[in-house]
Amino acid sequence: MVSNTLDMELDDLVATLKRVRETCGEDSEYLKLRAPLPDDWPI
């Protein structure tokens, strides 16, 4: 699991990913990388 690899609690990882979405959500590279993920994925 990603949170284990990064030595983070799952809630902290999800919070970090949500912050990335808030700050980079309109960035074309972010949108390109995010496109294949399910809509309910936290980022």
C-alpha atoms as a PDB file:
ATOM      1  CA  MET A   1       0.000   0.000   0.000  1.00  0.00           C
ATOM      2  CA  VAL A   2       1.238   3.485  -0.822  1.00  0.00           C
ATOM      3  CA  SER A   3       0.761   4.803   2.708  1.00  0.00           C
ATOM      4  CA  ASN A   4       2.951   2.000   4.076  1.00  0.00           C
ATOM      5  CA  THR A   5       5.656   2.641   1.490  1.00  0.00           C
ATOM      6  CA  LEU A   6       5.694   6.332   2.366  1.00  0.00           C
ATOM      7  CA  ASP A   7       5.471   5.554   6.099  1.00  0.00           C
ATOM      8  CA  MET A   8       2.281   7.621   6.412  1.00  0.00           C
ATOM      9  CA  GLU A   9      -1.078   6.957   7.991  1.00  0.00           C
ATOM     10  CA  LEU A  10      -3.773   6.360   5.377  1.00  0.00           C
ATOM     11  CA  ASP A  11      -5.796   9.387   6.524  1.00  0.00           C
ATOM     12  CA  ASP A  12      -2.710  11.609   6.183  1.00  0.00           C
ATOM     13  CA  LEU A  13      -2.041  10.310   2.684  1.00  0.00           C
ATOM     14  CA  VAL A  14      -5.635  10.905   1.582  1.00  0.00           C
ATOM     15  CA  ALA A  15      -5.507  14.430   3.041  1.00  0.00           C
ATOM     16  CA  THR A  16      -2.283  15.116   1.148  1.00  0.00           C
ATOM     17  CA  LEU A  17      -3.781  13.851  -2.105  1.00  0.00           C
ATOM     18  CA  LYS A  18      -6.848  16.038  -1.603  1.00  0.00           C
ATOM     19  CA  ARG A  19      -4.601  19.087  -1.057  1.00  0.00           C
ATOM     20  CA  VAL A  20      -2.778  18.273  -4.301  1.00  0.00           C
ATOM     21  CA  ARG A  21      -6.124  18.144  -6.098  1.00  0.00           C
ATOM     22  CA  GLU A  22      -7.151  21.497  -4.617  1.00  0.00           C
ATOM     23  CA  THR A  23      -3.906  23.216  -5.623  1.00  0.00           C
ATOM     24  CA  CYS A  24      -3.264  21.481  -8.974  1.00  0.00           C
ATOM     25  CA  GLY A  25      -6.761  20.470 -10.046  1.00  0.00           C
ATOM     26  CA  GLU A  26      -6.772  22.705 -13.113  1.00  0.00           C
ATOM     27  CA  ASP A  27      -3.209  21.892 -14.222  1.00  0.00           C
ATOM     28  CA  SER A  28      -3.135  20.129 -17.613  1.00  0.00           C
ATOM     29  CA  GLU A  29      -0.470  17.622 -16.521  1.00  0.00           C
ATOM     30  CA  TYR A  30      -2.440  16.761 -13.375  1.00  0.00           C
ATOM     31  CA  LEU A  31      -5.612  16.281 -15.428  1.00  0.00           C
ATOM     32  CA  LYS A  32      -3.763  14.065 -17.921  1.00  0.00           C
ATOM     33  CA  LEU A  33      -2.344  11.863 -15.161  1.00  0.00           C
ATOM     34  CA  ARG A  34      -5.621  11.748 -13.286  1.00  0.00           C
ATOM     35  CA  ALA A  35      -7.807  10.884 -16.292  1.00  0.00           C
ATOM     36  CA  PRO A  36      -7.378   7.078 -16.091  1.00  0.00           C
ATOM     37  CA  LEU A  37      -8.318   6.956 -12.384  1.00  0.00           C
ATOM     38  CA  PRO A  38     -11.884   6.300 -11.168  1.00  0.00           C
ATOM     39  CA  ASP A  39     -13.972   9.399 -10.370  1.00  0.00           C
ATOM     40  CA  ASP A  40     -14.207   8.446  -6.685  1.00  0.00           C
ATOM     41  CA  TRP A  41     -10.407   8.174  -6.317  1.00  0.00           C
ATOM     42  CA  PRO A  42      -9.426  10.698  -3.624  1.00  0.00           C
ATOM     43  CA  ILE A  43      -7.209  12.724  -5.903  1.00  0.00           C
END
